[in-house]
Protein backbone atom coordinates (compact mmCIF):
# COMPACT_ATOMS: atom_id res chain seq x y z
CA MET A 1 -125.12 -80.50 -153.66
CA LYS A 2 -123.10 -81.88 -156.78
CA HIS A 3 -119.92 -80.76 -155.82
CA GLU A 4 -120.70 -82.46 -152.31
CA THR A 5 -121.03 -85.56 -153.67
CA ILE A 6 -117.93 -85.33 -155.91
CA ASN A 7 -116.07 -84.70 -153.21
CA ARG A 8 -117.57 -87.42 -150.89
CA ILE A 9 -116.70 -89.96 -153.76
CA SER A 10 -113.17 -88.58 -154.10
CA PHE A 11 -112.19 -88.90 -150.47
CA ARG A 12 -113.31 -92.13 -149.99
CA GLN A 13 -111.61 -93.72 -153.26
CA ARG A 14 -108.37 -91.99 -152.30
CA LEU A 15 -108.84 -93.49 -148.70
CA SER A 16 -109.41 -96.88 -150.73
CA SER A 17 -106.20 -96.20 -152.61
CA TYR A 18 -104.22 -95.88 -148.87
CA ARG A 19 -105.44 -98.69 -147.88
CA ASN A 20 -104.31 -100.53 -150.27
CA ASN A 21 -101.06 -99.27 -150.38
CA PRO A 22 -99.30 -98.46 -147.06
CA LEU A 23 -96.82 -96.92 -148.65
CA SER A 24 -98.97 -94.08 -150.03
CA PHE A 25 -100.59 -93.21 -146.65
CA LEU A 26 -97.08 -93.00 -144.39
CA LEU A 27 -95.70 -90.88 -147.39
CA LEU A 28 -99.10 -89.03 -147.30
CA LEU A 29 -98.18 -88.98 -143.19
CA LEU A 30 -94.80 -87.67 -143.97
CA VAL A 31 -95.77 -84.87 -145.63
CA TRP A 32 -98.01 -83.79 -143.00
CA CYS A 33 -95.63 -84.12 -140.87
CA ALA A 34 -93.34 -81.77 -142.24
CA MET A 35 -95.78 -79.49 -143.29
CA ALA A 36 -97.05 -79.11 -139.70
CA ALA A 37 -93.27 -79.07 -138.78
CA THR A 38 -92.17 -76.26 -141.02
CA VAL A 39 -95.76 -73.93 -139.75
CA PHE A 40 -94.83 -74.92 -135.97
CA ILE A 41 -90.79 -73.74 -136.49
CA LEU A 42 -92.22 -70.50 -138.40
CA LEU A 43 -94.80 -69.47 -135.39
CA PHE A 44 -92.61 -69.89 -132.81
CA ILE A 45 -90.29 -67.58 -134.46
CA VAL A 46 -92.34 -65.15 -135.39
CA PHE A 47 -93.69 -65.31 -131.07
CA TYR A 48 -90.57 -65.35 -130.14
CA ILE A 49 -89.26 -62.40 -131.53
CA LEU A 50 -92.38 -60.39 -130.86
CA VAL A 51 -92.41 -61.42 -126.87
CA ASN A 52 -88.92 -60.14 -126.75
CA GLY A 53 -88.92 -57.39 -129.14
CA VAL A 54 -92.11 -55.40 -128.08
CA PRO A 55 -91.92 -54.56 -125.03
CA HIS A 56 -88.37 -52.62 -126.02
CA LEU A 57 -90.08 -50.81 -128.70
CA THR A 58 -89.95 -47.51 -127.62
CA PRO A 59 -90.31 -43.81 -128.85
CA GLY A 60 -86.43 -43.27 -128.86
CA LEU A 61 -85.72 -46.29 -131.51
CA PHE A 62 -87.71 -44.11 -133.77
CA SER A 63 -85.47 -41.17 -133.45
CA PRO A 64 -84.25 -38.99 -136.27
CA VAL A 65 -80.85 -39.14 -134.96
CA TYR A 66 -78.98 -42.21 -133.35
CA THR A 67 -77.02 -42.11 -130.47
CA THR A 68 -75.60 -44.58 -128.02
CA ASP A 69 -78.61 -43.57 -125.91
CA ASN A 70 -81.15 -44.16 -128.22
CA VAL A 71 -80.01 -46.53 -130.44
CA SER A 72 -82.31 -45.26 -132.93
CA ALA A 73 -83.36 -47.61 -135.99
CA LEU A 74 -84.65 -44.70 -138.00
CA PRO A 75 -81.73 -44.18 -139.83
CA ALA A 76 -81.12 -47.60 -140.86
CA ILE A 77 -85.02 -48.03 -141.56
CA ILE A 78 -84.29 -45.31 -144.34
CA THR A 79 -81.22 -47.01 -145.44
CA THR A 80 -82.62 -49.99 -145.84
CA LEU A 81 -85.22 -48.37 -148.04
CA LEU A 82 -82.99 -46.78 -150.29
CA MET A 83 -80.53 -49.65 -150.78
CA VAL A 84 -83.98 -52.04 -151.28
CA GLY A 85 -84.73 -49.61 -154.04
CA LEU A 86 -81.41 -48.57 -155.58
CA SER A 87 -80.64 -52.65 -155.87
CA LEU A 88 -83.69 -53.18 -157.40
CA ALA A 89 -83.67 -50.51 -160.03
CA ILE A 90 -80.30 -51.98 -161.48
CA ALA A 91 -81.30 -56.25 -161.39
CA VAL A 92 -84.92 -55.90 -162.35
CA PRO A 93 -83.98 -54.26 -165.30
CA PHE A 94 -81.59 -56.79 -166.18
CA GLY A 95 -82.76 -59.71 -164.78
CA ILE A 96 -86.03 -59.70 -166.86
CA GLY A 97 -84.41 -58.21 -170.15
CA CYS A 98 -82.24 -61.80 -170.04
CA ALA A 99 -84.95 -63.86 -169.56
CA ILE A 100 -87.01 -62.08 -171.88
CA PHE A 101 -84.54 -63.01 -174.50
CA LEU A 102 -83.45 -66.29 -173.18
CA VAL A 103 -86.73 -67.58 -173.39
CA GLU A 104 -88.46 -65.52 -176.39
CA TYR A 105 -85.87 -64.38 -178.93
CA ALA A 106 -82.74 -67.39 -178.46
CA LYS A 107 -82.91 -70.56 -180.47
CA LYS A 108 -83.40 -73.55 -178.06
CA THR A 109 -80.45 -75.39 -179.34
CA ASN A 110 -78.02 -72.43 -179.07
CA ARG A 111 -74.81 -73.58 -177.12
CA PHE A 112 -74.88 -70.05 -175.63
CA ILE A 113 -77.77 -70.18 -173.87
CA ARG A 114 -76.84 -73.56 -171.66
CA TYR A 115 -73.68 -71.54 -170.54
CA VAL A 116 -75.60 -68.65 -169.27
CA ARG A 117 -78.04 -70.61 -167.24
CA LEU A 118 -74.91 -72.71 -166.03
CA THR A 119 -73.66 -69.50 -164.95
CA THR A 120 -76.45 -68.26 -163.45
CA GLU A 121 -77.39 -71.51 -161.35
CA THR A 122 -73.84 -71.01 -160.51
CA LEU A 123 -73.77 -66.95 -159.38
CA ALA A 124 -77.52 -68.38 -157.19
CA GLY A 125 -75.11 -70.90 -155.08
CA ILE A 126 -72.27 -68.81 -153.92
CA PRO A 127 -72.09 -67.48 -150.13
CA SER A 128 -72.92 -64.33 -149.91
CA ILE A 129 -69.95 -62.90 -148.15
CA ILE A 130 -67.80 -64.27 -151.47
CA TYR A 131 -70.04 -61.12 -153.06
CA GLY A 132 -68.68 -59.21 -150.68
CA LEU A 133 -65.67 -59.67 -151.20
CA PHE A 134 -66.05 -58.76 -154.72
CA GLY A 135 -68.30 -55.72 -154.04
CA MET A 136 -64.93 -54.69 -151.82
CA LEU A 137 -62.35 -55.06 -154.50
CA PHE A 138 -64.21 -54.28 -157.21
CA PHE A 139 -66.24 -51.56 -155.92
CA VAL A 140 -64.78 -49.88 -152.98
CA ILE A 141 -60.89 -49.88 -154.08
CA ALA A 142 -61.03 -50.53 -157.87
CA LEU A 143 -63.46 -47.89 -158.66
CA LYS A 144 -62.66 -45.83 -155.94
CA TRP A 145 -66.23 -45.54 -154.77
CA ASN A 146 -65.07 -46.34 -150.86
CA LEU A 147 -67.98 -47.38 -148.51
CA SER A 148 -71.12 -46.07 -149.82
CA LEU A 149 -74.45 -46.68 -151.26
CA LEU A 150 -73.51 -47.10 -154.36
CA ALA A 151 -71.40 -50.03 -153.44
CA GLY A 152 -73.89 -52.23 -151.55
CA GLY A 153 -76.45 -51.44 -153.82
CA PHE A 154 -74.23 -52.68 -156.81
CA THR A 155 -73.05 -55.63 -155.27
CA LEU A 156 -77.07 -56.67 -153.82
CA ALA A 157 -77.70 -56.20 -157.62
CA ILE A 158 -75.68 -58.76 -158.67
CA MET A 159 -75.87 -61.22 -155.93
CA VAL A 160 -80.53 -61.01 -156.56
CA LEU A 161 -79.99 -60.91 -160.36
CA PRO A 162 -80.19 -64.99 -160.77
CA THR A 163 -82.78 -64.71 -158.45
CA ILE A 164 -85.12 -62.44 -160.36
CA MET A 165 -83.99 -63.51 -163.65
CA ARG A 166 -84.46 -67.02 -163.31
CA SER A 167 -88.32 -66.92 -161.53
CA THR A 168 -88.73 -64.86 -165.07
CA GLU A 169 -87.16 -67.14 -167.23
CA GLU A 170 -90.01 -69.81 -165.67
CA ALA A 171 -92.62 -67.41 -165.48
CA LEU A 172 -92.44 -66.98 -169.21
CA LYS A 173 -92.04 -70.63 -170.05
CA ALA A 174 -95.31 -71.14 -168.31
CA THR A 175 -97.26 -68.50 -170.29
CA PRO A 176 -99.36 -70.78 -173.00
CA ASP A 177 -97.90 -70.69 -176.54
CA ALA A 178 -101.75 -69.73 -177.59
CA TYR A 179 -101.65 -66.28 -176.12
CA ARG A 180 -98.49 -65.47 -178.02
CA GLU A 181 -99.83 -67.27 -181.50
CA GLY A 182 -103.20 -65.25 -180.95
CA SER A 183 -101.23 -61.90 -181.25
CA PHE A 184 -99.11 -63.06 -184.12
CA GLY A 185 -102.44 -63.59 -185.64
CA LEU A 186 -103.39 -60.41 -184.98
CA GLY A 187 -100.87 -59.00 -186.82
CA ALA A 188 -98.63 -57.75 -183.52
CA GLY A 189 -95.03 -58.25 -183.49
CA ARG A 190 -93.06 -59.67 -181.10
CA LEU A 191 -92.07 -56.92 -179.28
CA ARG A 192 -95.14 -55.69 -178.97
CA THR A 193 -96.58 -59.41 -178.05
CA VAL A 194 -93.64 -59.83 -175.22
CA PHE A 195 -94.56 -56.68 -173.48
CA ARG A 196 -98.41 -56.35 -173.69
CA ILE A 197 -99.01 -60.42 -173.58
CA VAL A 198 -96.49 -62.28 -172.25
CA LEU A 199 -95.15 -60.09 -169.46
CA PRO A 200 -98.66 -59.21 -168.25
CA SER A 201 -99.94 -63.25 -168.07
CA ALA A 202 -96.05 -64.00 -166.02
CA MET A 203 -96.44 -61.35 -163.77
CA PRO A 204 -97.11 -63.16 -160.82
CA GLY A 205 -94.09 -65.26 -161.33
CA ILE A 206 -91.88 -62.29 -161.97
CA SER A 207 -93.16 -60.56 -158.84
CA ALA A 208 -92.75 -63.96 -157.10
CA GLY A 209 -89.20 -63.51 -157.51
CA ILE A 210 -88.31 -59.44 -156.73
CA ILE A 211 -90.51 -60.10 -153.72
CA LEU A 212 -87.89 -63.31 -152.65
CA SER A 213 -84.87 -60.53 -153.97
CA VAL A 214 -86.40 -58.30 -151.51
CA GLY A 215 -86.26 -60.55 -149.21
CA ARG A 216 -82.49 -61.09 -149.13
CA ILE A 217 -81.70 -57.71 -149.66
CA VAL A 218 -82.72 -56.50 -146.06
CA GLY A 219 -81.57 -59.85 -144.36
CA GLU A 220 -78.15 -59.53 -146.17
CA THR A 221 -75.25 -58.44 -143.90
CA ALA A 222 -72.18 -59.88 -144.59
CA ALA A 223 -72.04 -58.29 -148.31
CA LEU A 224 -73.16 -54.97 -146.97
CA ILE A 225 -70.43 -54.88 -144.04
CA TYR A 226 -67.84 -54.72 -146.63
CA THR A 227 -69.36 -52.10 -149.47
CA ALA A 228 -72.13 -50.05 -147.66
CA GLY A 229 -70.35 -49.62 -144.40
CA THR A 230 -71.76 -49.19 -140.75
CA VAL A 231 -72.37 -45.50 -140.26
CA ALA A 232 -75.39 -45.37 -138.11
CA LYS A 233 -77.04 -42.35 -140.49
CA VAL A 234 -79.09 -41.95 -142.88
CA PRO A 235 -76.61 -41.31 -146.26
CA GLU A 236 -76.19 -37.93 -147.52
CA ASN A 237 -76.19 -39.33 -150.94
CA ILE A 238 -75.45 -42.52 -152.81
CA PHE A 239 -71.34 -41.85 -152.47
CA ALA A 240 -71.97 -42.07 -148.57
CA SER A 241 -72.22 -44.85 -146.08
CA GLY A 242 -74.99 -46.36 -143.37
CA ARG A 243 -75.96 -49.31 -141.95
CA THR A 244 -79.22 -51.20 -142.86
CA LEU A 245 -81.62 -53.17 -140.26
CA SER A 246 -79.82 -56.49 -140.42
CA ILE A 247 -76.23 -54.52 -140.00
CA HIS A 248 -78.35 -52.73 -137.14
CA MET A 249 -79.49 -55.57 -135.33
CA TYR A 250 -76.37 -57.49 -135.87
CA LEU A 251 -73.99 -54.17 -134.48
CA LEU A 252 -76.32 -54.14 -131.54
CA ALA A 253 -76.50 -57.71 -130.63
CA GLY A 254 -72.73 -57.93 -131.06
CA GLU A 255 -72.23 -55.32 -128.98
CA GLY A 256 -74.02 -56.95 -126.02
CA ILE A 257 -75.48 -54.18 -124.05
CA TYR A 258 -78.35 -53.34 -126.44
CA THR A 259 -79.71 -56.86 -127.13
CA ASP A 260 -82.86 -55.62 -126.52
CA GLN A 261 -82.97 -53.20 -128.41
CA ALA A 262 -81.45 -56.27 -130.67
CA TYR A 263 -84.87 -57.52 -130.53
CA ALA A 264 -87.29 -54.52 -131.24
CA THR A 265 -85.12 -54.08 -133.85
CA ALA A 266 -85.97 -57.67 -135.26
CA VAL A 267 -89.66 -57.19 -134.74
CA ILE A 268 -88.86 -53.96 -137.02
CA LEU A 269 -87.40 -55.76 -139.99
CA LEU A 270 -89.95 -58.48 -139.49
CA GLY A 271 -93.06 -56.26 -139.68
CA PHE A 272 -90.56 -54.23 -142.72
CA VAL A 273 -90.67 -57.45 -144.43
CA LEU A 274 -94.01 -58.11 -144.19
CA VAL A 275 -95.29 -54.83 -145.66
CA ILE A 276 -93.42 -55.26 -148.36
CA ASN A 277 -94.74 -58.62 -149.34
CA PHE A 278 -98.06 -57.26 -149.00
CA ILE A 279 -97.27 -54.11 -151.20
CA SER A 280 -95.97 -56.42 -153.74
CA SER A 281 -98.67 -59.06 -153.69
CA PHE A 282 -101.56 -56.29 -153.59
CA ILE A 283 -99.52 -54.54 -157.25
CA THR A 284 -100.04 -57.71 -158.54
CA ARG A 285 -103.29 -58.70 -157.87
CA LYS A 286 -104.03 -55.34 -159.96
CA ILE A 287 -102.17 -55.93 -162.29
CA THR A 288 -103.64 -59.49 -163.08
CA LYS A 289 -106.71 -58.24 -162.53
CA GLY A 290 -106.34 -55.42 -165.40
CA GLN A 291 -104.65 -57.83 -167.57
CA ASP A 292 -107.76 -60.10 -167.09
């Protein structure tokens, strides 16, 4: 009952303040309109993809072998999973490690730290096609890895490294210093404090960066065409070429005769991203509950 009374009073106060200041009400109205437009656009895109793609989800689309008759997406699904795992295995340790050094060990007044942050922000703004050209020149040609899963994985790892690094850094900064002080007071060292206290507390922010990175890896096309190739089969090893779901959808739509299958692949890609986000959120909640 008290909470309802408090809510009514606060609502009346806000309403009164909006009457006294019309500009605040106008800004609030603009915020609500922007939110409604964002939700509407998202729902429209999802609805459009489902309407055009679901009717064309046939068993042949999940055949183990790709042919010109079934244009199977199963090899692309497996290649996408391998690419996500390989890219994250490279980028996550480096990104989290760099963020830990910048927040927990480096001096706040160190000029080198400012250069590192500036470089990270610059890398985050580089177009993906530039990463693709760099990966082709360095990994494919200079290191002679050819068009392969390994070349694509390293290229994507460099691409998502700034996202993981910055999100982890902000999550570590948001962790209260009282946690660190309490751990130090109990006799724990800095390394133990970081891995047993700080990192679990910052896990929601870290996982958010990893989820964003997964979304970029799954949806990337330009960088992978020049580094991983477009072979429509499951790579036999990390030095073999393969195509991800986004490349598969791009090639089907570009050919012009598999438009329906391209929409169906878009449905698979949408479900793929949703499942990964759900699994990541579930793991984060488990870790957070265990920490509590």
